[in-house]
Amino acid sequence: SAADPLVDSQKLVAIRPFAAPEPTRRVAIA
């Protein structure tokens, strides 16, 4: 959510995914 929008908006950084199995986080409501 923080990284993907940078692909089009920021020219000074590059974004790459992780190879499988990619690390993730699970977001919840409490």
PDB file of all heavy atoms in Angstrom:
ATOM      1  N   SER A   1       0.820  -1.215   0.000  1.00  0.00           N
ATOM      2  CA  SER A   1       0.000   0.000   0.000  1.00  0.00           C
ATOM      3  C   SER A   1       0.851   1.260   0.000  1.00  0.00           C
ATOM      4  O   SER A   1       0.443   2.298  -0.527  1.00  0.00           O
ATOM      5  CB  SER A   1      -0.941   0.013   1.207  1.00  0.00           C
ATOM      6  OG  SER A   1      -0.199  -0.070   2.421  1.00  0.00           O
ATOM      7  N   ALA A   2       2.052   1.182   0.578  1.00  0.00           N
ATOM      8  CA  ALA A   2       2.964   2.321   0.610  1.00  0.00           C
ATOM      9  C   ALA A   2       3.897   2.335  -0.585  1.00  0.00           C
ATOM     10  O   ALA A   2       4.325   3.397  -1.045  1.00  0.00           O
ATOM     11  CB  ALA A   2       3.784   2.298   1.901  1.00  0.00           C
ATOM     12  N   ALA A   3       4.234   1.144  -1.112  1.00  0.00           N
ATOM     13  CA  ALA A   3       5.248   1.044  -2.159  1.00  0.00           C
ATOM     14  C   ALA A   3       4.685   1.163  -3.572  1.00  0.00           C
ATOM     15  O   ALA A   3       5.237   1.891  -4.410  1.00  0.00           O
ATOM     16  CB  ALA A   3       6.003  -0.272  -2.021  1.00  0.00           C
ATOM     17  N   ASP A   4       3.592   0.468  -3.860  1.00  0.00           N
ATOM     18  CA  ASP A   4       3.111   0.380  -5.240  1.00  0.00           C
ATOM     19  C   ASP A   4       2.780   1.731  -5.867  1.00  0.00           C
ATOM     20  O   ASP A   4       3.063   1.945  -7.054  1.00  0.00           O
ATOM     21  CB  ASP A   4       1.906  -0.555  -5.317  1.00  0.00           C
ATOM     22  CG  ASP A   4       2.291  -2.012  -5.101  1.00  0.00           C
ATOM     23  OD1 ASP A   4       3.494  -2.286  -4.860  1.00  0.00           O
ATOM     24  OD2 ASP A   4       1.396  -2.890  -5.153  1.00  0.00           O
ATOM     25  N   PRO A   5       2.192   2.697  -5.136  1.00  0.00           N
ATOM     26  CA  PRO A   5       1.924   3.999  -5.753  1.00  0.00           C
ATOM     27  C   PRO A   5       3.186   4.756  -6.161  1.00  0.00           C
ATOM     28  O   PRO A   5       3.110   5.697  -6.967  1.00  0.00           O
ATOM     29  CB  PRO A   5       1.164   4.760  -4.652  1.00  0.00           C
ATOM     30  CG  PRO A   5       0.551   3.685  -3.810  1.00  0.00           C
ATOM     31  CD  PRO A   5       1.563   2.590  -3.800  1.00  0.00           C
ATOM     32  N   LEU A   6       4.345   4.362  -5.635  1.00  0.00           N
ATOM     33  CA  LEU A   6       5.586   5.067  -5.956  1.00  0.00           C
ATOM     34  C   LEU A   6       6.052   4.788  -7.380  1.00  0.00           C
ATOM     35  O   LEU A   6       6.851   5.542  -7.927  1.00  0.00           O
ATOM     36  CB  LEU A   6       6.695   4.650  -4.981  1.00  0.00           C
ATOM     37  CG  LEU A   6       6.423   4.883  -3.489  1.00  0.00           C
ATOM     38  CD1 LEU A   6       7.593   4.375  -2.653  1.00  0.00           C
ATOM     39  CD2 LEU A   6       6.169   6.354  -3.207  1.00  0.00           C
ATOM     40  N   VAL A   7       5.566   3.700  -7.967  1.00  0.00           N
ATOM     41  CA  VAL A   7       6.015   3.314  -9.303  1.00  0.00           C
ATOM     42  C   VAL A   7       5.807   4.449 -10.299  1.00  0.00           C
ATOM     43  O   VAL A   7       6.675   4.734 -11.135  1.00  0.00           O
ATOM     44  CB  VAL A   7       5.285   2.042  -9.772  1.00  0.00           C
ATOM     45  CG1 VAL A   7       5.617   1.728 -11.228  1.00  0.00           C
ATOM     46  CG2 VAL A   7       5.642   0.862  -8.879  1.00  0.00           C
ATOM     47  N   ASP A   8       4.674   5.113 -10.216  1.00  0.00           N
ATOM     48  CA  ASP A   8       4.364   6.189 -11.160  1.00  0.00           C
ATOM     49  C   ASP A   8       4.682   7.580 -10.623  1.00  0.00           C
ATOM     50  O   ASP A   8       4.860   8.513 -11.406  1.00  0.00           O
ATOM     51  CB  ASP A   8       2.877   6.135 -11.535  1.00  0.00           C
ATOM     52  CG  ASP A   8       2.517   4.848 -12.261  1.00  0.00           C
ATOM     53  OD1 ASP A   8       3.344   4.367 -13.060  1.00  0.00           O
ATOM     54  OD2 ASP A   8       1.423   4.311 -12.007  1.00  0.00           O
ATOM     55  N   SER A   9       4.763   7.710  -9.284  1.00  0.00           N
ATOM     56  CA  SER A   9       4.891   9.057  -8.714  1.00  0.00           C
ATOM     57  C   SER A   9       6.314   9.440  -8.323  1.00  0.00           C
ATOM     58  O   SER A   9       6.607  10.619  -8.158  1.00  0.00           O
ATOM     59  CB  SER A   9       3.990   9.186  -7.482  1.00  0.00           C
ATOM     60  OG  SER A   9       4.412   8.299  -6.463  1.00  0.00           O
ATOM     61  N   GLN A  10       7.200   8.458  -8.162  1.00  0.00           N
ATOM     62  CA  GLN A  10       8.552   8.747  -7.688  1.00  0.00           C
ATOM     63  C   GLN A  10       9.594   8.199  -8.668  1.00  0.00           C
ATOM     64  O   GLN A  10       9.629   6.996  -8.920  1.00  0.00           O
ATOM     65  CB  GLN A  10       8.779   8.132  -6.307  1.00  0.00           C
ATOM     66  CG  GLN A  10       7.842   8.653  -5.237  1.00  0.00           C
ATOM     67  CD  GLN A  10       8.045  10.130  -4.943  1.00  0.00           C
ATOM     68  OE1 GLN A  10       9.180  10.623  -4.950  1.00  0.00           O
ATOM     69  NE2 GLN A  10       6.963  10.840  -4.692  1.00  0.00           N
ATOM     70  N   LYS A  11      10.426   9.068  -9.196  1.00  0.00           N
ATOM     71  CA  LYS A  11      11.430   8.649 -10.178  1.00  0.00           C
ATOM     72  C   LYS A  11      12.774   8.307  -9.546  1.00  0.00           C
ATOM     73  O   LYS A  11      13.649   7.757 -10.213  1.00  0.00           O
ATOM     74  CB  LYS A  11      11.630   9.764 -11.217  1.00  0.00           C
ATOM     75  CG  LYS A  11      10.352  10.177 -11.936  1.00  0.00           C
ATOM     76  CD  LYS A  11       9.652   8.980 -12.580  1.00  0.00           C
ATOM     77  CE  LYS A  11       8.362   9.401 -13.290  1.00  0.00           C
ATOM     78  NZ  LYS A  11       7.616   8.243 -13.830  1.00  0.00           N
ATOM     79  N   LEU A  12      12.938   8.620  -8.267  1.00  0.00           N
ATOM     80  CA  LEU A  12      14.232   8.378  -7.616  1.00  0.00           C
ATOM     81  C   LEU A  12      14.319   7.007  -6.963  1.00  0.00           C
ATOM     82  O   LEU A  12      15.386   6.620  -6.486  1.00  0.00           O
ATOM     83  CB  LEU A  12      14.504   9.470  -6.568  1.00  0.00           C
ATOM     84  CG  LEU A  12      14.695  10.887  -7.102  1.00  0.00           C
ATOM     85  CD1 LEU A  12      14.918  11.854  -5.956  1.00  0.00           C
ATOM     86  CD2 LEU A  12      15.860  10.949  -8.082  1.00  0.00           C
ATOM     87  N   VAL A  13      13.207   6.281  -6.936  1.00  0.00           N
ATOM     88  CA  VAL A  13      13.228   4.939  -6.350  1.00  0.00           C
ATOM     89  C   VAL A  13      12.635   3.934  -7.324  1.00  0.00           C
ATOM     90  O   VAL A  13      11.868   4.301  -8.224  1.00  0.00           O
ATOM     91  CB  VAL A  13      12.454   4.877  -5.010  1.00  0.00           C
ATOM     92  CG1 VAL A  13      13.092   5.788  -3.974  1.00  0.00           C
ATOM     93  CG2 VAL A  13      10.990   5.219  -5.214  1.00  0.00           C
ATOM     94  N   ALA A  14      13.006   2.670  -7.123  1.00  0.00           N
ATOM     95  CA  ALA A  14      12.442   1.572  -7.903  1.00  0.00           C
ATOM     96  C   ALA A  14      11.822   0.561  -6.939  1.00  0.00           C
ATOM     97  O   ALA A  14      12.282   0.425  -5.802  1.00  0.00           O
ATOM     98  CB  ALA A  14      13.514   0.910  -8.751  1.00  0.00           C
ATOM     99  N   ILE A  15      10.811  -0.140  -7.401  1.00  0.00           N
ATOM    100  CA  ILE A  15      10.067  -1.088  -6.572  1.00  0.00           C
ATOM    101  C   ILE A  15      10.173  -2.475  -7.194  1.00  0.00           C
ATOM    102  O   ILE A  15       9.991  -2.633  -8.410  1.00  0.00           O
ATOM    103  CB  ILE A  15       8.576  -0.711  -6.471  1.00  0.00           C
ATOM    104  CG1 ILE A  15       8.403   0.804  -6.232  1.00  0.00           C
ATOM    105  CG2 ILE A  15       7.888  -1.531  -5.401  1.00  0.00           C
ATOM    106  CD1 ILE A  15       8.994   1.300  -4.952  1.00  0.00           C
ATOM    107  N   ARG A  16      10.442  -3.477  -6.371  1.00  0.00           N
ATOM    108  CA  ARG A  16      10.462  -4.855  -6.852  1.00  0.00           C
ATOM    109  C   ARG A  16       9.736  -5.749  -5.849  1.00  0.00           C
ATOM    110  O   ARG A  16       9.855  -5.550  -4.626  1.00  0.00           O
ATOM    111  CB  ARG A  16      11.894  -5.354  -7.053  1.00  0.00           C
ATOM    112  CG  ARG A  16      12.638  -4.713  -8.211  1.00  0.00           C
ATOM    113  CD  ARG A  16      11.999  -5.072  -9.549  1.00  0.00           C
ATOM    114  NE  ARG A  16      12.705  -4.479 -10.683  1.00  0.00           N
ATOM    115  CZ  ARG A  16      12.445  -3.272 -11.185  1.00  0.00           C
ATOM    116  NH1 ARG A  16      11.481  -2.532 -10.625  1.00  0.00           N
ATOM    117  NH2 ARG A  16      13.114  -2.810 -12.211  1.00  0.00           N
ATOM    118  N   PRO A  17       9.006  -6.751  -6.350  1.00  0.00           N
ATOM    119  CA  PRO A  17       8.361  -7.704  -5.441  1.00  0.00           C
ATOM    120  C   PRO A  17       9.372  -8.706  -4.912  1.00  0.00           C
ATOM    121  O   PRO A  17      10.497  -8.820  -5.428  1.00  0.00           O
ATOM    122  CB  PRO A  17       7.334  -8.392  -6.346  1.00  0.00           C
ATOM    123  CG  PRO A  17       7.967  -8.351  -7.703  1.00  0.00           C
ATOM    124  CD  PRO A  17       8.709  -7.037  -7.764  1.00  0.00           C
ATOM    125  N   PHE A  18       8.964  -9.443  -3.899  1.00  0.00           N
ATOM    126  CA  PHE A  18       9.772 -10.554  -3.405  1.00  0.00           C
ATOM    127  C   PHE A  18       9.448 -11.805  -4.205  1.00  0.00           C
ATOM    128  O   PHE A  18       8.319 -11.991  -4.683  1.00  0.00           O
ATOM    129  CB  PHE A  18       9.484 -10.815  -1.925  1.00  0.00           C
ATOM    130  CG  PHE A  18      10.200  -9.891  -0.995  1.00  0.00           C
ATOM    131  CD1 PHE A  18       9.552  -8.774  -0.474  1.00  0.00           C
ATOM    132  CD2 PHE A  18      11.510 -10.133  -0.615  1.00  0.00           C
ATOM    133  CE1 PHE A  18      10.213  -7.920   0.399  1.00  0.00           C
ATOM    134  CE2 PHE A  18      12.176  -9.281   0.255  1.00  0.00           C
ATOM    135  CZ  PHE A  18      11.523  -8.176   0.769  1.00  0.00           C
ATOM    136  N   ALA A  19      10.439 -12.671  -4.337  1.00  0.00           N
ATOM    137  CA  ALA A  19      10.195 -13.980  -4.927  1.00  0.00           C
ATOM    138  C   ALA A  19       9.370 -14.819  -3.955  1.00  0.00           C
ATOM    139  O   ALA A  19       9.408 -14.610  -2.742  1.00  0.00           O
ATOM    140  CB  ALA A  19      11.525 -14.665  -5.242  1.00  0.00           C
ATOM    141  N   ALA A  20       8.637 -15.773  -4.501  1.00  0.00           N
ATOM    142  CA  ALA A  20       7.826 -16.652  -3.648  1.00  0.00           C
ATOM    143  C   ALA A  20       8.717 -17.520  -2.760  1.00  0.00           C
ATOM    144  O   ALA A  20       9.809 -17.927  -3.181  1.00  0.00           O
ATOM    145  CB  ALA A  20       6.942 -17.525  -4.537  1.00  0.00           C
ATOM    146  N   PRO A  21       8.289 -17.747  -1.526  1.00  0.00           N
ATOM    147  CA  PRO A  21       7.070 -17.223  -0.890  1.00  0.00           C
ATOM    148  C   PRO A  21       7.295 -15.798  -0.392  1.00  0.00           C
ATOM    149  O   PRO A  21       8.197 -15.555   0.409  1.00  0.00           O
ATOM    150  CB  PRO A  21       6.864 -18.190   0.277  1.00  0.00           C
ATOM    151  CG  PRO A  21       8.243 -18.652   0.640  1.00  0.00           C
ATOM    152  CD  PRO A  21       9.032 -18.681  -0.637  1.00  0.00           C
ATOM    153  N   GLU A  22       6.509 -14.878  -0.886  1.00  0.00           N
ATOM    154  CA  GLU A  22       6.722 -13.477  -0.520  1.00  0.00           C
ATOM    155  C   GLU A  22       6.211 -13.208   0.887  1.00  0.00           C
ATOM    156  O   GLU A  22       5.167 -13.722   1.285  1.00  0.00           O
ATOM    157  CB  GLU A  22       6.041 -12.548  -1.520  1.00  0.00           C
ATOM    158  CG  GLU A  22       4.543 -12.718  -1.625  1.00  0.00           C
ATOM    159  CD  GLU A  22       3.934 -11.788  -2.650  1.00  0.00           C
ATOM    160  OE1 GLU A  22       4.656 -10.957  -3.229  1.00  0.00           O
ATOM    161  OE2 GLU A  22       2.715 -11.892  -2.888  1.00  0.00           O
ATOM    162  N   PRO A  23       6.949 -12.393   1.652  1.00  0.00           N
ATOM    163  CA  PRO A  23       6.481 -12.044   2.997  1.00  0.00           C
ATOM    164  C   PRO A  23       5.260 -11.127   2.917  1.00  0.00           C
ATOM    165  O   PRO A  23       5.152 -10.294   2.015  1.00  0.00           O
ATOM    166  CB  PRO A  23       7.679 -11.320   3.616  1.00  0.00           C
ATOM    167  CG  PRO A  23       8.466 -10.810   2.456  1.00  0.00           C
ATOM    168  CD  PRO A  23       8.260 -11.797   1.343  1.00  0.00           C
ATOM    169  N   THR A  24       4.344 -11.298   3.857  1.00  0.00           N
ATOM    170  CA  THR A  24       3.132 -10.486   3.905  1.00  0.00           C
ATOM    171  C   THR A  24       2.807 -10.141   5.348  1.00  0.00           C
ATOM    172  O   THR A  24       3.390 -10.694   6.280  1.00  0.00           O
ATOM    173  CB  THR A  24       1.920 -11.239   3.316  1.00  0.00           C
ATOM    174  OG1 THR A  24       1.659 -12.398   4.123  1.00  0.00           O
ATOM    175  CG2 THR A  24       2.169 -11.663   1.877  1.00  0.00           C
ATOM    176  N   ARG A  25       1.865  -9.254   5.521  1.00  0.00           N
ATOM    177  CA  ARG A  25       1.289  -9.018   6.840  1.00  0.00           C
ATOM    178  C   ARG A  25      -0.226  -9.144   6.721  1.00  0.00           C
ATOM    179  O   ARG A  25      -0.801  -8.868   5.656  1.00  0.00           O
ATOM    180  CB  ARG A  25       1.666  -7.644   7.395  1.00  0.00           C
ATOM    181  CG  ARG A  25       1.061  -6.450   6.673  1.00  0.00           C
ATOM    182  CD  ARG A  25       1.387  -5.154   7.388  1.00  0.00           C
ATOM    183  NE  ARG A  25       0.915  -3.983   6.654  1.00  0.00           N
ATOM    184  CZ  ARG A  25       1.091  -2.725   7.064  1.00  0.00           C
ATOM    185  NH1 ARG A  25       1.742  -2.483   8.203  1.00  0.00           N
ATOM    186  NH2 ARG A  25       0.641  -1.713   6.353  1.00  0.00           N
ATOM    187  N   ARG A  26      -0.867  -9.571   7.798  1.00  0.00           N
ATOM    188  CA  ARG A  26      -2.319  -9.696   7.831  1.00  0.00           C
ATOM    189  C   ARG A  26      -2.882  -8.571   8.687  1.00  0.00           C
ATOM    190  O   ARG A  26      -2.517  -8.434   9.854  1.00  0.00           O
ATOM    191  CB  ARG A  26      -2.736 -11.062   8.366  1.00  0.00           C
ATOM    192  CG  ARG A  26      -4.235 -11.245   8.529  1.00  0.00           C
ATOM    193  CD  ARG A  26      -4.644 -12.698   8.564  1.00  0.00           C
ATOM    194  NE  ARG A  26      -4.524 -13.313   7.232  1.00  0.00           N
ATOM    195  CZ  ARG A  26      -4.961 -14.534   6.932  1.00  0.00           C
ATOM    196  NH1 ARG A  26      -5.532 -15.280   7.868  1.00  0.00           N
ATOM    197  NH2 ARG A  26      -4.820 -15.013   5.702  1.00  0.00           N
ATOM    198  N   VAL A  27      -3.744  -7.783   8.092  1.00  0.00           N
ATOM    199  CA  VAL A  27      -4.330  -6.628   8.774  1.00  0.00           C
ATOM    200  C   VAL A  27      -5.727  -7.000   9.273  1.00  0.00           C
ATOM    201  O   VAL A  27      -6.494  -7.673   8.575  1.00  0.00           O
ATOM    202  CB  VAL A  27      -4.392  -5.409   7.832  1.00  0.00           C
ATOM    203  CG1 VAL A  27      -5.141  -4.248   8.482  1.00  0.00           C
ATOM    204  CG2 VAL A  27      -2.967  -4.980   7.452  1.00  0.00           C
ATOM    205  N   ALA A  28      -6.031  -6.569  10.481  1.00  0.00           N
ATOM    206  CA  ALA A  28      -7.300  -6.930  11.118  1.00  0.00           C
ATOM    207  C   ALA A  28      -7.904  -5.718  11.812  1.00  0.00           C
ATOM    208  O   ALA A  28      -7.242  -4.696  12.020  1.00  0.00           O
ATOM    209  CB  ALA A  28      -7.075  -8.049  12.134  1.00  0.00           C
ATOM    210  N   ILE A  29      -9.177  -5.850  12.160  1.00  0.00           N
ATOM    211  CA  ILE A  29      -9.822  -4.878  13.036  1.00  0.00           C
ATOM    212  C   ILE A  29     -10.032  -5.551  14.389  1.00  0.00           C
ATOM    213  O   ILE A  29     -10.230  -6.761  14.471  1.00  0.00           O
ATOM    214  CB  ILE A  29     -11.152  -4.362  12.459  1.00  0.00           C
ATOM    215  CG1 ILE A  29     -12.050  -5.516  11.998  1.00  0.00           C
ATOM    216  CG2 ILE A  29     -10.904  -3.409  11.312  1.00  0.00           C
ATOM    217  CD1 ILE A  29     -13.381  -5.063  11.434  1.00  0.00           C
ATOM    218  N   ALA A  30      -9.950  -4.760  15.446  1.00  0.00           N
ATOM    219  CA  ALA A  30     -10.072  -5.287  16.811  1.00  0.00           C
ATOM    220  C   ALA A  30     -11.024  -4.399  17.597  1.00  0.00           C
ATOM    221  O   ALA A  30     -11.027  -3.172  17.440  1.00  0.00           O
ATOM    222  CB  ALA A  30      -8.702  -5.325  17.488  1.00  0.00           C
TER     223      ALA A  30
END
